[in-house]
């Protein structure tokens, strides 16, 4: 037994895929069983896939974590100013997606959710938005010193895009604490 609208959609999908309803429904049942055997629900699997698709659309690529840190450290050691500027500008670019896309209503909350989902290497990432103040705390024992400073610059660029001005910043290997206040020159929709 199923809702009529769902059954109608299954009929459409089966036609689009060139298979019978019987084949499609059995495939769905098999997928539910397979995901359960992996201790996942189908809903979880689909949500995880959406994270990958959103990350890809946002310009992220998968890479080896250790290599990423090493390359970040090399760039930071070679030219701190240029590296920090590039990461800041990347933060601006990333945050602009949440302020200029009228096709969907992106927000600061969506920015936080996406960044947390995309940043697997930061086991602790907290955002607090209270009135005109925002605080960000990121902790990861695996971050190198250079990567920590670069990622802090990325976050600063993103916050500036949302119209926040940094009022304090504490950065040391693996630890980032940023505090910012709305500066009145709002460029986004935080």
N, C-alpha and C. Protein backbone atom coordinates (compact mmCIF):
# COMPACT_ATOMS: atom_id res chain seq x y z
N UNK A 1 0.85 -1.17 0.00
CA UNK A 1 0.00 0.00 0.00
C UNK A 1 0.90 1.23 0.00
N UNK A 2 0.52 2.20 -0.82
CA UNK A 2 1.29 3.44 -0.91
C UNK A 2 0.35 4.56 -1.35
N UNK A 3 0.80 5.78 -1.14
CA UNK A 3 0.01 6.93 -1.58
C UNK A 3 -0.10 6.93 -3.10
N UNK A 4 -1.22 7.39 -3.58
CA UNK A 4 -1.47 7.40 -5.02
C UNK A 4 -0.47 8.27 -5.77
N UNK A 5 -0.12 9.44 -5.20
CA UNK A 5 0.84 10.32 -5.88
C UNK A 5 2.21 9.66 -6.02
N UNK A 6 2.60 8.87 -5.01
CA UNK A 6 3.88 8.17 -5.07
C UNK A 6 3.84 7.07 -6.14
N UNK A 7 2.75 6.34 -6.18
CA UNK A 7 2.62 5.30 -7.20
C UNK A 7 2.64 5.88 -8.60
N UNK A 8 1.97 7.02 -8.78
CA UNK A 8 1.96 7.67 -10.08
C UNK A 8 3.37 8.09 -10.48
N UNK A 9 4.14 8.58 -9.53
CA UNK A 9 5.51 9.00 -9.83
C UNK A 9 6.39 7.79 -10.16
N UNK A 10 6.16 6.66 -9.49
CA UNK A 10 6.89 5.42 -9.78
C UNK A 10 6.61 4.98 -11.21
N UNK A 11 5.36 5.10 -11.63
CA UNK A 11 5.00 4.75 -13.00
C UNK A 11 5.79 5.62 -13.98
N UNK A 12 5.86 6.94 -13.71
CA UNK A 12 6.60 7.86 -14.57
C UNK A 12 8.09 7.52 -14.60
N UNK A 13 8.66 7.26 -13.43
CA UNK A 13 10.10 6.94 -13.35
C UNK A 13 10.40 5.65 -14.11
N UNK A 14 9.55 4.64 -13.96
CA UNK A 14 9.77 3.37 -14.66
C UNK A 14 9.76 3.60 -16.17
N UNK A 15 8.84 4.43 -16.66
CA UNK A 15 8.78 4.73 -18.10
C UNK A 15 10.06 5.45 -18.53
N UNK A 16 10.50 6.45 -17.72
CA UNK A 16 11.71 7.21 -18.05
C UNK A 16 12.94 6.31 -18.11
N UNK A 17 12.97 5.31 -17.23
CA UNK A 17 14.14 4.42 -17.16
C UNK A 17 14.01 3.20 -18.07
N UNK A 18 12.86 3.07 -18.71
CA UNK A 18 12.67 1.96 -19.65
C UNK A 18 12.58 0.61 -18.97
N UNK A 19 11.99 0.58 -17.79
CA UNK A 19 11.81 -0.68 -17.09
C UNK A 19 10.36 -0.79 -16.60
N UNK A 20 10.02 -1.95 -16.09
CA UNK A 20 8.66 -2.14 -15.58
C UNK A 20 8.57 -1.61 -14.15
N UNK A 21 7.35 -1.38 -13.72
CA UNK A 21 7.14 -0.95 -12.33
C UNK A 21 7.64 -2.04 -11.38
N UNK A 22 7.40 -3.29 -11.75
CA UNK A 22 7.86 -4.43 -10.95
C UNK A 22 9.38 -4.37 -10.76
N UNK A 23 10.12 -4.14 -11.84
CA UNK A 23 11.59 -4.08 -11.77
C UNK A 23 12.04 -2.90 -10.90
N UNK A 24 11.42 -1.75 -11.08
CA UNK A 24 11.80 -0.56 -10.32
C UNK A 24 11.51 -0.74 -8.83
N UNK A 25 10.35 -1.27 -8.51
CA UNK A 25 9.99 -1.46 -7.09
C UNK A 25 10.91 -2.48 -6.45
N UNK A 26 11.23 -3.56 -7.16
CA UNK A 26 12.17 -4.55 -6.61
C UNK A 26 13.56 -3.95 -6.42
N UNK A 27 13.98 -3.09 -7.35
CA UNK A 27 15.27 -2.41 -7.21
C UNK A 27 15.26 -1.52 -5.96
N UNK A 28 14.17 -0.80 -5.74
CA UNK A 28 14.06 0.05 -4.55
C UNK A 28 14.12 -0.78 -3.27
N UNK A 29 13.41 -1.91 -3.26
CA UNK A 29 13.47 -2.79 -2.09
C UNK A 29 14.89 -3.30 -1.85
N UNK A 30 15.58 -3.68 -2.94
CA UNK A 30 16.95 -4.17 -2.80
C UNK A 30 17.87 -3.08 -2.26
N UNK A 31 17.69 -1.84 -2.74
CA UNK A 31 18.49 -0.73 -2.23
C UNK A 31 18.23 -0.49 -0.75
N UNK A 32 16.98 -0.60 -0.33
CA UNK A 32 16.65 -0.43 1.09
C UNK A 32 17.34 -1.52 1.92
N UNK A 33 17.34 -2.75 1.43
CA UNK A 33 17.98 -3.86 2.14
C UNK A 33 19.50 -3.65 2.18
N UNK A 34 20.08 -3.28 1.04
CA UNK A 34 21.53 -3.05 0.98
C UNK A 34 21.96 -1.94 1.94
N UNK A 35 21.22 -0.83 1.97
CA UNK A 35 21.59 0.27 2.86
C UNK A 35 21.42 -0.13 4.32
N UNK A 36 20.41 -0.93 4.61
CA UNK A 36 20.22 -1.39 5.99
C UNK A 36 21.39 -2.28 6.43
N UNK A 37 21.87 -3.12 5.52
CA UNK A 37 23.01 -3.98 5.83
C UNK A 37 24.28 -3.19 6.10
N UNK A 38 24.35 -1.96 5.56
CA UNK A 38 25.47 -1.07 5.82
C UNK A 38 25.21 -0.15 7.01
N UNK A 39 24.10 -0.42 7.71
CA UNK A 39 23.67 0.40 8.85
C UNK A 39 23.37 1.84 8.47
N UNK A 40 22.85 2.02 7.25
CA UNK A 40 22.40 3.32 6.78
C UNK A 40 20.94 3.21 6.37
N UNK A 41 20.26 4.31 6.48
CA UNK A 41 18.92 4.36 5.91
C UNK A 41 19.05 4.94 4.51
N UNK A 42 18.08 4.68 3.65
CA UNK A 42 18.11 5.28 2.32
C UNK A 42 18.12 6.79 2.42
N UNK A 43 17.40 7.33 3.39
CA UNK A 43 17.37 8.78 3.59
C UNK A 43 18.78 9.30 3.86
N UNK A 44 19.53 8.61 4.71
CA UNK A 44 20.91 9.01 5.02
C UNK A 44 21.79 8.96 3.78
N UNK A 45 21.65 7.90 3.00
CA UNK A 45 22.45 7.76 1.78
C UNK A 45 22.17 8.91 0.82
N UNK A 46 20.91 9.27 0.66
CA UNK A 46 20.54 10.37 -0.24
C UNK A 46 21.06 11.70 0.30
N UNK A 47 20.95 11.92 1.60
CA UNK A 47 21.46 13.16 2.19
C UNK A 47 22.97 13.27 2.00
N UNK A 48 23.70 12.17 2.17
CA UNK A 48 25.14 12.18 1.94
C UNK A 48 25.46 12.50 0.49
N UNK A 49 24.70 11.96 -0.43
CA UNK A 49 24.92 12.22 -1.85
C UNK A 49 24.67 13.70 -2.16
N UNK A 50 23.68 14.29 -1.51
CA UNK A 50 23.39 15.71 -1.72
C UNK A 50 24.58 16.56 -1.26
N UNK A 51 25.24 16.15 -0.19
CA UNK A 51 26.42 16.87 0.28
C UNK A 51 27.49 16.87 -0.80
N UNK A 52 27.75 15.71 -1.40
CA UNK A 52 28.74 15.63 -2.48
C UNK A 52 28.37 16.52 -3.65
N UNK A 53 27.11 16.48 -4.06
CA UNK A 53 26.68 17.29 -5.20
C UNK A 53 26.81 18.78 -4.90
N UNK A 54 26.40 19.20 -3.69
CA UNK A 54 26.50 20.60 -3.31
C UNK A 54 27.96 21.03 -3.24
N UNK A 55 28.82 20.17 -2.70
CA UNK A 55 30.25 20.47 -2.63
C UNK A 55 30.83 20.63 -4.03
N UNK A 56 30.46 19.76 -4.94
CA UNK A 56 30.97 19.83 -6.31
C UNK A 56 30.52 21.12 -6.97
N UNK A 57 29.26 21.48 -6.82
CA UNK A 57 28.73 22.72 -7.40
C UNK A 57 29.43 23.93 -6.78
N UNK A 58 29.81 23.82 -5.51
CA UNK A 58 30.45 24.93 -4.79
C UNK A 58 31.93 25.07 -5.10
N UNK A 59 32.48 24.16 -5.89
CA UNK A 59 33.88 24.28 -6.29
C UNK A 59 34.86 23.46 -5.46
N UNK A 60 34.36 22.59 -4.61
CA UNK A 60 35.25 21.75 -3.81
C UNK A 60 35.67 20.53 -4.61
N UNK A 61 36.86 20.02 -4.31
CA UNK A 61 37.35 18.78 -4.90
C UNK A 61 37.82 17.88 -3.77
N UNK A 62 37.77 16.59 -4.01
CA UNK A 62 38.29 15.65 -3.02
C UNK A 62 39.79 15.53 -3.21
N UNK A 63 40.50 15.43 -2.12
CA UNK A 63 41.94 15.29 -2.19
C UNK A 63 42.46 14.62 -0.93
N UNK A 64 43.68 14.18 -0.99
CA UNK A 64 44.30 13.55 0.18
C UNK A 64 44.57 14.61 1.24
N UNK A 65 44.09 14.38 2.44
CA UNK A 65 44.21 15.36 3.52
C UNK A 65 45.66 15.73 3.80
N UNK A 66 46.51 14.76 3.94
CA UNK A 66 47.91 15.03 4.27
C UNK A 66 48.57 15.87 3.17
N UNK A 67 48.29 15.54 1.91
CA UNK A 67 48.84 16.30 0.80
C UNK A 67 48.32 17.73 0.82
N UNK A 68 47.04 17.90 1.11
CA UNK A 68 46.44 19.23 1.17
C UNK A 68 47.14 20.08 2.23
N UNK A 69 47.36 19.51 3.42
CA UNK A 69 48.04 20.24 4.48
C UNK A 69 49.47 20.60 4.08
N UNK A 70 50.17 19.63 3.48
CA UNK A 70 51.55 19.89 3.09
C UNK A 70 51.62 21.01 2.05
N UNK A 71 50.75 20.97 1.05
CA UNK A 71 50.74 22.02 0.04
C UNK A 71 50.37 23.38 0.64
N UNK A 72 49.43 23.38 1.56
CA UNK A 72 49.05 24.63 2.24
C UNK A 72 50.24 25.18 3.01
N UNK A 73 50.97 24.31 3.70
CA UNK A 73 52.14 24.75 4.47
C UNK A 73 53.25 25.29 3.58
N UNK A 74 53.46 24.64 2.43
CA UNK A 74 54.49 25.10 1.50
C UNK A 74 54.13 26.50 0.99
N UNK A 75 52.88 26.68 0.58
CA UNK A 75 52.45 27.99 0.08
C UNK A 75 52.55 29.05 1.17
N UNK A 76 52.12 28.70 2.38
CA UNK A 76 52.14 29.63 3.51
C UNK A 76 53.57 30.04 3.84
N UNK A 77 54.48 29.07 3.85
CA UNK A 77 55.88 29.36 4.17
C UNK A 77 56.55 30.18 3.06
N UNK A 78 56.19 29.93 1.82
CA UNK A 78 56.82 30.62 0.70
C UNK A 78 56.36 32.07 0.59
N UNK A 79 55.04 32.32 0.77
CA UNK A 79 54.51 33.68 0.63
C UNK A 79 53.24 33.81 1.47
N UNK A 80 53.43 34.13 2.76
CA UNK A 80 52.29 34.22 3.68
C UNK A 80 51.24 35.20 3.19
N UNK A 81 51.70 36.38 2.79
CA UNK A 81 50.76 37.44 2.39
C UNK A 81 49.89 36.98 1.21
N UNK A 82 50.49 36.45 0.17
CA UNK A 82 49.74 36.01 -1.02
C UNK A 82 48.83 34.83 -0.68
N UNK A 83 49.32 33.90 0.14
CA UNK A 83 48.51 32.74 0.52
C UNK A 83 47.29 33.16 1.32
N UNK A 84 47.50 34.02 2.31
CA UNK A 84 46.38 34.50 3.12
C UNK A 84 45.37 35.26 2.26
N UNK A 85 45.87 36.06 1.34
CA UNK A 85 44.99 36.82 0.43
C UNK A 85 44.16 35.86 -0.43
N UNK A 86 44.80 34.84 -0.99
CA UNK A 86 44.09 33.87 -1.82
C UNK A 86 43.01 33.13 -1.04
N UNK A 87 43.32 32.71 0.17
CA UNK A 87 42.33 32.00 0.97
C UNK A 87 41.21 32.94 1.40
N UNK A 88 41.53 34.18 1.73
CA UNK A 88 40.51 35.17 2.06
C UNK A 88 39.56 35.35 0.88
N UNK A 89 40.13 35.53 -0.31
CA UNK A 89 39.32 35.71 -1.52
C UNK A 89 38.49 34.48 -1.84
N UNK A 90 39.02 33.30 -1.53
CA UNK A 90 38.24 32.07 -1.72
C UNK A 90 37.06 32.02 -0.76
N UNK A 91 37.27 32.50 0.47
CA UNK A 91 36.16 32.58 1.43
C UNK A 91 35.08 33.54 0.95
N UNK A 92 35.50 34.67 0.36
CA UNK A 92 34.56 35.64 -0.21
C UNK A 92 33.78 34.96 -1.33
N UNK A 93 34.49 34.32 -2.22
CA UNK A 93 33.87 33.66 -3.37
C UNK A 93 32.86 32.61 -2.91
N UNK A 94 33.27 31.78 -1.94
CA UNK A 94 32.39 30.72 -1.45
C UNK A 94 31.13 31.31 -0.82
N UNK A 95 31.27 32.34 -0.01
CA UNK A 95 30.12 32.93 0.67
C UNK A 95 29.19 33.66 -0.30
N UNK A 96 29.73 34.17 -1.40
CA UNK A 96 28.89 34.87 -2.38
C UNK A 96 27.79 33.96 -2.91
N UNK A 97 28.03 32.70 -2.95
CA UNK A 97 27.02 31.75 -3.42
C UNK A 97 25.76 31.83 -2.56
N UNK A 98 25.92 32.20 -1.33
CA UNK A 98 24.80 32.24 -0.39
C UNK A 98 24.14 33.62 -0.34
N UNK A 99 24.70 34.57 -1.08
CA UNK A 99 24.13 35.92 -1.06
C UNK A 99 23.60 36.36 -2.40
N UNK A 100 23.96 35.68 -3.49
CA UNK A 100 23.58 36.17 -4.81
C UNK A 100 22.69 35.22 -5.59
N UNK A 101 22.51 34.01 -5.13
CA UNK A 101 21.73 33.03 -5.89
C UNK A 101 20.25 33.21 -5.58
N UNK A 102 19.53 33.82 -6.50
CA UNK A 102 18.11 34.05 -6.30
C UNK A 102 17.25 32.85 -6.66
N UNK A 103 17.83 31.86 -7.31
CA UNK A 103 17.05 30.68 -7.68
C UNK A 103 16.59 29.92 -6.44
N UNK A 104 17.38 29.97 -5.40
CA UNK A 104 17.02 29.36 -4.13
C UNK A 104 17.33 30.37 -3.04
N UNK A 105 16.68 30.25 -1.90
CA UNK A 105 16.93 31.22 -0.84
C UNK A 105 18.04 30.70 0.08
N UNK A 106 19.27 31.04 -0.24
CA UNK A 106 20.40 30.67 0.60
C UNK A 106 20.50 31.63 1.77
N UNK A 107 21.08 31.17 2.81
CA UNK A 107 21.18 31.97 4.01
C UNK A 107 22.47 31.66 4.75
N UNK A 108 22.70 32.42 5.79
CA UNK A 108 23.86 32.16 6.65
C UNK A 108 23.76 30.76 7.25
N UNK A 109 22.55 30.35 7.63
CA UNK A 109 22.38 29.00 8.18
C UNK A 109 22.75 27.93 7.17
N UNK A 110 22.38 28.12 5.92
CA UNK A 110 22.74 27.15 4.89
C UNK A 110 24.26 27.15 4.67
N UNK A 111 24.86 28.33 4.72
CA UNK A 111 26.32 28.44 4.62
C UNK A 111 26.98 27.62 5.73
N UNK A 112 26.52 27.79 6.96
CA UNK A 112 27.08 27.05 8.10
C UNK A 112 26.93 25.55 7.89
N UNK A 113 25.74 25.13 7.50
CA UNK A 113 25.48 23.70 7.33
C UNK A 113 26.36 23.11 6.23
N UNK A 114 26.45 23.82 5.11
CA UNK A 114 27.27 23.31 4.00
C UNK A 114 28.74 23.26 4.39
N UNK A 115 29.25 24.34 4.97
CA UNK A 115 30.66 24.37 5.32
C UNK A 115 30.99 23.27 6.33
N UNK A 116 30.12 23.06 7.30
CA UNK A 116 30.33 21.99 8.28
C UNK A 116 30.34 20.63 7.59
N UNK A 117 29.43 20.44 6.63
CA UNK A 117 29.37 19.16 5.92
C UNK A 117 30.59 18.95 5.03
N UNK A 118 31.09 20.02 4.41
CA UNK A 118 32.22 19.91 3.48
C UNK A 118 33.55 19.78 4.20
N UNK A 119 33.62 20.21 5.43
CA UNK A 119 34.88 20.27 6.16
C UNK A 119 34.98 19.08 7.11
N UNK A 120 35.19 17.91 6.51
CA UNK A 120 35.28 16.68 7.29
C UNK A 120 36.46 16.69 8.23
N UNK A 121 37.51 17.42 7.88
CA UNK A 121 38.75 17.39 8.65
C UNK A 121 38.68 18.26 9.91
N UNK A 122 37.54 18.89 10.16
CA UNK A 122 37.38 19.69 11.37
C UNK A 122 36.30 19.04 12.23
N UNK A 123 36.70 18.19 13.17
CA UNK A 123 35.70 17.49 13.96
C UNK A 123 34.85 18.41 14.84
N UNK A 124 35.37 19.60 15.13
CA UNK A 124 34.60 20.54 15.94
C UNK A 124 34.55 21.88 15.21
N UNK A 125 33.35 22.22 14.75
CA UNK A 125 33.13 23.50 14.09
C UNK A 125 31.82 24.06 14.63
N UNK A 126 31.91 25.21 15.30
CA UNK A 126 30.73 25.81 15.90
C UNK A 126 30.56 27.23 15.40
N UNK A 127 29.33 27.57 15.05
CA UNK A 127 28.95 28.91 14.64
C UNK A 127 27.88 29.39 15.60
N UNK A 128 28.03 30.58 16.11
CA UNK A 128 27.00 31.18 16.96
C UNK A 128 26.67 32.56 16.41
N UNK A 129 25.41 32.77 16.11
CA UNK A 129 24.94 34.05 15.60
C UNK A 129 23.94 34.60 16.62
N UNK A 130 24.35 35.66 17.30
CA UNK A 130 23.51 36.29 18.32
C UNK A 130 23.41 37.77 18.01
N UNK A 131 22.23 38.20 17.59
CA UNK A 131 22.05 39.60 17.23
C UNK A 131 22.98 39.98 16.10
N UNK A 132 23.82 40.98 16.36
CA UNK A 132 24.78 41.44 15.34
C UNK A 132 26.14 40.79 15.48
N UNK A 133 26.27 39.82 16.38
CA UNK A 133 27.56 39.18 16.63
C UNK A 133 27.58 37.75 16.12
N UNK A 134 28.70 37.39 15.56
CA UNK A 134 28.91 36.01 15.14
C UNK A 134 30.24 35.54 15.72
N UNK A 135 30.24 34.31 16.21
CA UNK A 135 31.51 33.72 16.66
C UNK A 135 31.65 32.36 16.00
N UNK A 136 32.87 32.07 15.63
CA UNK A 136 33.19 30.80 14.97
C UNK A 136 34.32 30.17 15.75
N UNK A 137 34.16 28.89 16.01
CA UNK A 137 35.20 28.13 16.69
C UNK A 137 35.44 26.85 15.90
N UNK A 138 36.70 26.63 15.53
CA UNK A 138 37.07 25.44 14.78
C UNK A 138 38.26 24.81 15.49
N UNK A 139 38.18 23.51 15.71
CA UNK A 139 39.27 22.80 16.36
C UNK A 139 39.53 21.50 15.61
N UNK A 140 40.78 21.26 15.28
CA UNK A 140 41.18 20.00 14.68
C UNK A 140 42.63 19.71 15.04
N UNK A 141 42.87 18.60 15.69
CA UNK A 141 44.26 18.26 16.04
C UNK A 141 45.12 17.96 14.82
N UNK A 142 44.50 17.71 13.67
CA UNK A 142 45.27 17.36 12.47
C UNK A 142 45.68 18.59 11.65
N UNK A 143 45.09 19.74 11.90
CA UNK A 143 45.46 20.93 11.14
C UNK A 143 46.92 21.26 11.40
N UNK A 144 47.63 21.62 10.35
CA UNK A 144 48.98 22.13 10.51
C UNK A 144 48.89 23.61 10.84
N UNK A 145 49.98 24.20 11.23
CA UNK A 145 49.97 25.63 11.57
C UNK A 145 49.59 26.48 10.35
N UNK A 146 50.24 26.22 9.23
CA UNK A 146 49.94 27.00 8.03
C UNK A 146 48.49 26.85 7.60
N UNK A 147 48.00 25.62 7.59
CA UNK A 147 46.61 25.39 7.18
C UNK A 147 45.64 26.09 8.13
N UNK A 148 45.93 26.09 9.41
CA UNK A 148 45.05 26.75 10.38
C UNK A 148 44.93 28.24 10.06
N UNK A 149 46.05 28.89 9.82
CA UNK A 149 46.01 30.33 9.50
C UNK A 149 45.30 30.59 8.17
N UNK A 150 45.52 29.72 7.20
CA UNK A 150 44.87 29.89 5.90
C UNK A 150 43.36 29.69 6.01
N UNK A 151 42.94 28.67 6.74
CA UNK A 151 41.51 28.42 6.90
C UNK A 151 40.84 29.56 7.68
N UNK A 152 41.54 30.12 8.65
CA UNK A 152 41.02 31.28 9.38
C UNK A 152 40.82 32.46 8.43
N UNK A 153 41.74 32.63 7.49
CA UNK A 153 41.61 33.70 6.49
C UNK A 153 40.39 33.44 5.60
N UNK A 154 40.17 32.19 5.22
CA UNK A 154 39.00 31.80 4.43
C UNK A 154 37.72 32.18 5.17
N UNK A 155 37.66 31.84 6.45
CA UNK A 155 36.48 32.16 7.26
C UNK A 155 36.28 33.67 7.38
N UNK A 156 37.37 34.41 7.54
CA UNK A 156 37.28 35.87 7.62
C UNK A 156 36.71 36.46 6.34
N UNK A 157 37.15 35.94 5.20
CA UNK A 157 36.62 36.40 3.92
C UNK A 157 35.14 36.12 3.79
N UNK A 158 34.73 34.95 4.23
CA UNK A 158 33.31 34.60 4.18
C UNK A 158 32.50 35.53 5.09
N UNK A 159 33.00 35.77 6.29
CA UNK A 159 32.25 36.63 7.21
C UNK A 159 32.14 38.06 6.68
N UNK A 160 33.20 38.54 6.05
CA UNK A 160 33.16 39.88 5.47
C UNK A 160 32.08 39.96 4.39
N UNK A 161 31.94 38.90 3.63
CA UNK A 161 30.92 38.85 2.58
C UNK A 161 29.52 38.97 3.17
N UNK A 162 29.33 38.42 4.34
CA UNK A 162 28.04 38.51 5.02
C UNK A 162 27.87 39.82 5.77
N UNK A 163 28.85 40.72 5.68
CA UNK A 163 28.74 42.02 6.30
C UNK A 163 29.24 42.09 7.73
N UNK A 164 30.13 41.18 8.11
CA UNK A 164 30.68 41.16 9.47
C UNK A 164 32.12 41.65 9.46
N UNK A 165 32.45 42.43 10.48
CA UNK A 165 33.81 42.93 10.65
C UNK A 165 34.44 42.20 11.84
N UNK A 166 35.63 41.70 11.66
CA UNK A 166 36.33 40.97 12.71
C UNK A 166 36.63 41.89 13.89
N UNK A 167 36.31 41.44 15.11
CA UNK A 167 36.64 42.21 16.31
C UNK A 167 37.69 41.49 17.15
N UNK A 168 37.80 40.18 16.97
CA UNK A 168 38.88 39.45 17.64
C UNK A 168 39.13 38.15 16.90
N UNK A 169 40.37 37.71 16.99
CA UNK A 169 40.77 36.51 16.29
C UNK A 169 41.87 35.83 17.09
N UNK A 170 41.66 34.57 17.41
CA UNK A 170 42.68 33.77 18.09
C UNK A 170 42.97 32.57 17.19
N UNK A 171 44.19 32.49 16.71
CA UNK A 171 44.56 31.41 15.81
C UNK A 171 45.87 30.81 16.28
N UNK A 172 45.87 29.51 16.48
CA UNK A 172 47.09 28.77 16.76
C UNK A 172 46.89 27.37 16.17
N UNK A 173 47.94 26.64 16.01
CA UNK A 173 47.87 25.35 15.32
C UNK A 173 46.66 24.53 15.78
N UNK A 174 45.74 24.29 14.84
CA UNK A 174 44.57 23.45 15.11
C UNK A 174 43.41 24.15 15.79
N UNK A 175 43.55 25.44 16.11
CA UNK A 175 42.49 26.15 16.83
C UNK A 175 42.23 27.51 16.18
N UNK A 176 40.94 27.75 15.87
CA UNK A 176 40.54 29.04 15.32
C UNK A 176 39.35 29.54 16.13
N UNK A 177 39.45 30.76 16.58
CA UNK A 177 38.32 31.43 17.26
C UNK A 177 38.20 32.82 16.65
N UNK A 178 37.09 33.05 15.97
CA UNK A 178 36.84 34.34 15.34
C UNK A 178 35.58 34.95 15.94
N UNK A 179 35.63 36.24 16.20
CA UNK A 179 34.45 36.98 16.64
C UNK A 179 34.31 38.18 15.72
N UNK A 180 33.08 38.41 15.28
CA UNK A 180 32.83 39.50 14.35
C UNK A 180 31.48 40.14 14.67
N UNK A 181 31.33 41.35 14.21
CA UNK A 181 30.09 42.10 14.44
C UNK A 181 29.62 42.65 13.11
N UNK A 182 28.31 42.76 12.95
CA UNK A 182 27.74 43.33 11.73
C UNK A 182 28.24 44.76 11.61
N UNK A 183 28.84 45.09 10.46
CA UNK A 183 29.47 46.41 10.33
C UNK A 183 28.57 47.48 9.69
N UNK A 184 27.33 47.14 9.39
CA UNK A 184 26.43 48.14 8.84
C UNK A 184 26.49 48.26 7.34
N UNK A 185 27.54 47.71 6.72
CA UNK A 185 27.65 47.72 5.26
C UNK A 185 27.31 46.32 4.76
N UNK A 186 26.08 45.92 5.01
CA UNK A 186 25.67 44.55 4.70
C UNK A 186 25.75 44.27 3.21
N UNK A 187 26.42 43.16 2.90
CA UNK A 187 26.51 42.73 1.50
C UNK A 187 25.76 41.44 1.29
N UNK A 188 25.39 40.79 2.36
CA UNK A 188 24.72 39.51 2.24
C UNK A 188 23.43 39.47 3.02
N UNK A 189 22.95 38.25 3.28
CA UNK A 189 21.68 38.05 3.95
C UNK A 189 21.84 37.23 5.21
N UNK A 190 22.83 37.54 6.02
CA UNK A 190 23.07 36.75 7.22
C UNK A 190 22.02 37.06 8.27
